[in-house]
Protein backbone atom coordinates (compact mmCIF):
# COMPACT_ATOMS: atom_id res chain seq x y z
CA MET A 1 0.00 0.00 0.00
CA ASN A 2 1.20 3.52 -0.76
CA TYR A 3 0.76 6.55 1.46
CA LEU A 4 1.09 10.25 0.82
CA VAL A 5 2.77 12.39 3.45
CA HIS A 6 2.35 16.08 2.69
CA VAL A 7 4.46 18.93 4.03
CA ALA A 8 4.17 22.59 3.11
CA ALA A 9 7.53 23.78 1.82
CA VAL A 10 6.44 27.20 0.58
CA GLN A 11 4.35 29.97 2.01
CA GLY A 12 2.48 32.54 0.04
CA GLU A 13 0.73 35.82 0.50
CA PRO A 14 -1.81 37.43 -1.82
CA GLY A 15 0.00 39.79 -4.15
CA ALA A 16 3.42 38.79 -2.81
CA GLY A 17 3.79 35.33 -4.39
CA PHE A 18 5.45 32.29 -2.86
CA ARG A 19 8.72 31.74 -1.06
CA PRO A 20 10.31 28.67 0.59
CA VAL A 21 9.73 28.15 4.28
CA ARG A 22 12.64 29.16 6.44
CA ASN A 23 13.88 25.65 7.26
CA LEU A 24 13.34 23.02 4.57
CA GLY A 25 15.14 20.50 6.75
CA ASP A 26 12.23 20.61 9.19
CA CYS A 27 9.90 19.62 6.35
CA VAL A 28 12.03 16.56 5.59
CA ALA A 29 12.35 15.56 9.24
CA GLN A 30 8.59 15.88 9.70
CA ALA A 31 7.87 13.75 6.61
CA LEU A 32 10.30 11.06 7.78
CA ARG A 33 8.79 11.17 11.27
CA GLN A 34 5.29 10.73 9.82
CA ALA A 35 6.47 7.78 7.70
CA ASP A 36 7.82 6.18 10.87
CA ASN A 37 4.52 6.90 12.63
CA LEU A 38 2.69 5.04 9.87
CA ALA A 39 4.97 2.04 10.33
CA GLN A 40 4.49 2.10 14.10
CA ALA A 41 0.72 2.12 13.57
CA GLY A 42 0.99 -1.13 11.63
CA HIS A 43 1.20 0.29 8.13
CA PRO A 44 4.27 -0.89 6.18
CA ALA A 45 6.09 2.34 5.31
CA ARG A 46 9.59 1.24 4.25
CA THR A 47 10.64 3.81 1.66
CA ILE A 48 9.96 7.46 1.02
CA LEU A 49 10.38 9.65 -2.06
CA ILE A 50 11.12 13.34 -1.46
CA PRO A 51 11.03 15.91 -4.27
CA VAL A 52 13.23 19.01 -4.24
CA LEU A 53 11.13 21.11 -1.88
CA GLY A 54 10.87 24.86 -2.30
CA ALA A 55 12.76 25.12 -5.58
CA GLY A 56 9.79 25.20 -7.95
CA THR A 57 7.03 27.74 -7.42
CA GLY A 58 8.73 28.76 -4.18
CA GLY A 59 11.68 30.09 -6.14
CA GLY A 60 14.29 28.72 -3.75
CA HIS A 61 17.90 28.14 -4.73
CA THR A 62 18.16 24.55 -5.98
CA GLU A 63 21.64 23.78 -4.63
CA SER A 64 20.94 25.07 -1.12
CA SER A 65 17.56 23.30 -1.10
CA VAL A 66 19.16 19.99 -2.09
CA HIS A 67 21.85 20.40 0.56
CA ALA A 68 19.22 21.10 3.24
CA LEU A 69 17.14 18.07 2.19
CA LEU A 70 20.08 15.67 2.19
CA THR A 71 21.45 16.96 5.48
CA ALA A 72 18.07 16.68 7.20
CA ALA A 73 17.53 13.14 5.93
CA VAL A 74 20.98 11.97 7.03
CA ASP A 75 20.55 13.64 10.43
CA TYR A 76 17.16 12.00 10.92
CA LEU A 77 18.44 8.54 10.00
CA VAL A 78 21.49 8.90 12.26
CA ASP A 79 19.36 10.20 15.15
CA THR A 80 16.66 7.53 14.64
CA PRO A 81 18.47 4.18 14.51
CA ARG A 82 15.19 2.24 14.94
CA THR A 83 13.53 3.85 11.94
CA ALA A 84 11.29 1.58 9.89
CA LEU A 85 12.56 3.23 6.71
CA HIS A 86 14.88 1.15 4.57
CA ALA A 87 15.50 3.79 1.91
CA VAL A 88 15.06 7.50 1.36
CA TYR A 89 14.85 8.48 -2.30
CA PHE A 90 15.04 11.98 -3.72
CA LEU A 91 13.30 12.99 -6.94
CA ALA A 92 15.40 15.14 -9.24
CA TYR A 93 12.77 16.31 -11.72
CA THR A 94 15.06 18.49 -13.87
CA ASP A 95 18.63 18.19 -15.11
CA GLY A 96 19.54 21.10 -12.83
CA GLU A 97 18.14 19.29 -9.78
CA ARG A 98 19.96 16.12 -10.78
CA ALA A 99 23.22 18.06 -11.11
CA ALA A 100 22.65 19.62 -7.68
CA PHE A 101 22.22 16.16 -6.14
CA ALA A 102 25.32 14.86 -7.92
CA THR A 103 27.34 17.77 -6.55
CA ALA A 104 25.95 17.35 -3.03
CA LEU A 105 26.60 13.60 -3.05
CA ALA A 106 30.13 13.80 -4.44
CA GLY A 107 32.54 12.61 -1.82
CA SER A 108 29.85 11.99 0.81
CA ARG A 109 30.39 8.92 2.95
CA ALA A 110 27.00 9.22 4.63
CA VAL A 111 24.83 8.47 1.58
CA THR A 112 24.82 6.27 -1.50
CA PRO A 113 23.20 7.61 -4.67
CA VAL A 114 20.98 5.24 -6.66
CA ARG A 115 21.51 5.56 -10.39
CA ARG A 116 18.62 5.68 -12.85
CA THR A 117 17.92 2.53 -14.82
CA GLU A 118 19.02 4.10 -18.11
CA ASP A 119 22.33 5.07 -16.48
CA ARG A 120 22.97 1.42 -15.68
CA GLY A 121 22.53 0.33 -19.27
CA THR A 122 19.61 -2.00 -18.44
């Protein structure tokens, strides 16, 4: 069964448009916490897919958004050793988002990127 965990990553005001919330990492931590709550309630939440929050309509800076998302996810997983989550995936919808993830992941020992199927030649 699939579940949808929603977090608000932008805030808007009439006539002023949208902007990212102040701490995107809190959005990630809350989503991961809710996924764990589902698992604790008997619902099998084992993986989660997180898009680049705040970088679309919110107009946030892609590289800093990606860094905040990755850092928050790693921190949550380190701080929650009994998490029910087996994998945290990030959705890079554009080439620019994908490049931002590649840069953020380069040299990191805390995470392992999963390559797209077409990158594997299968």
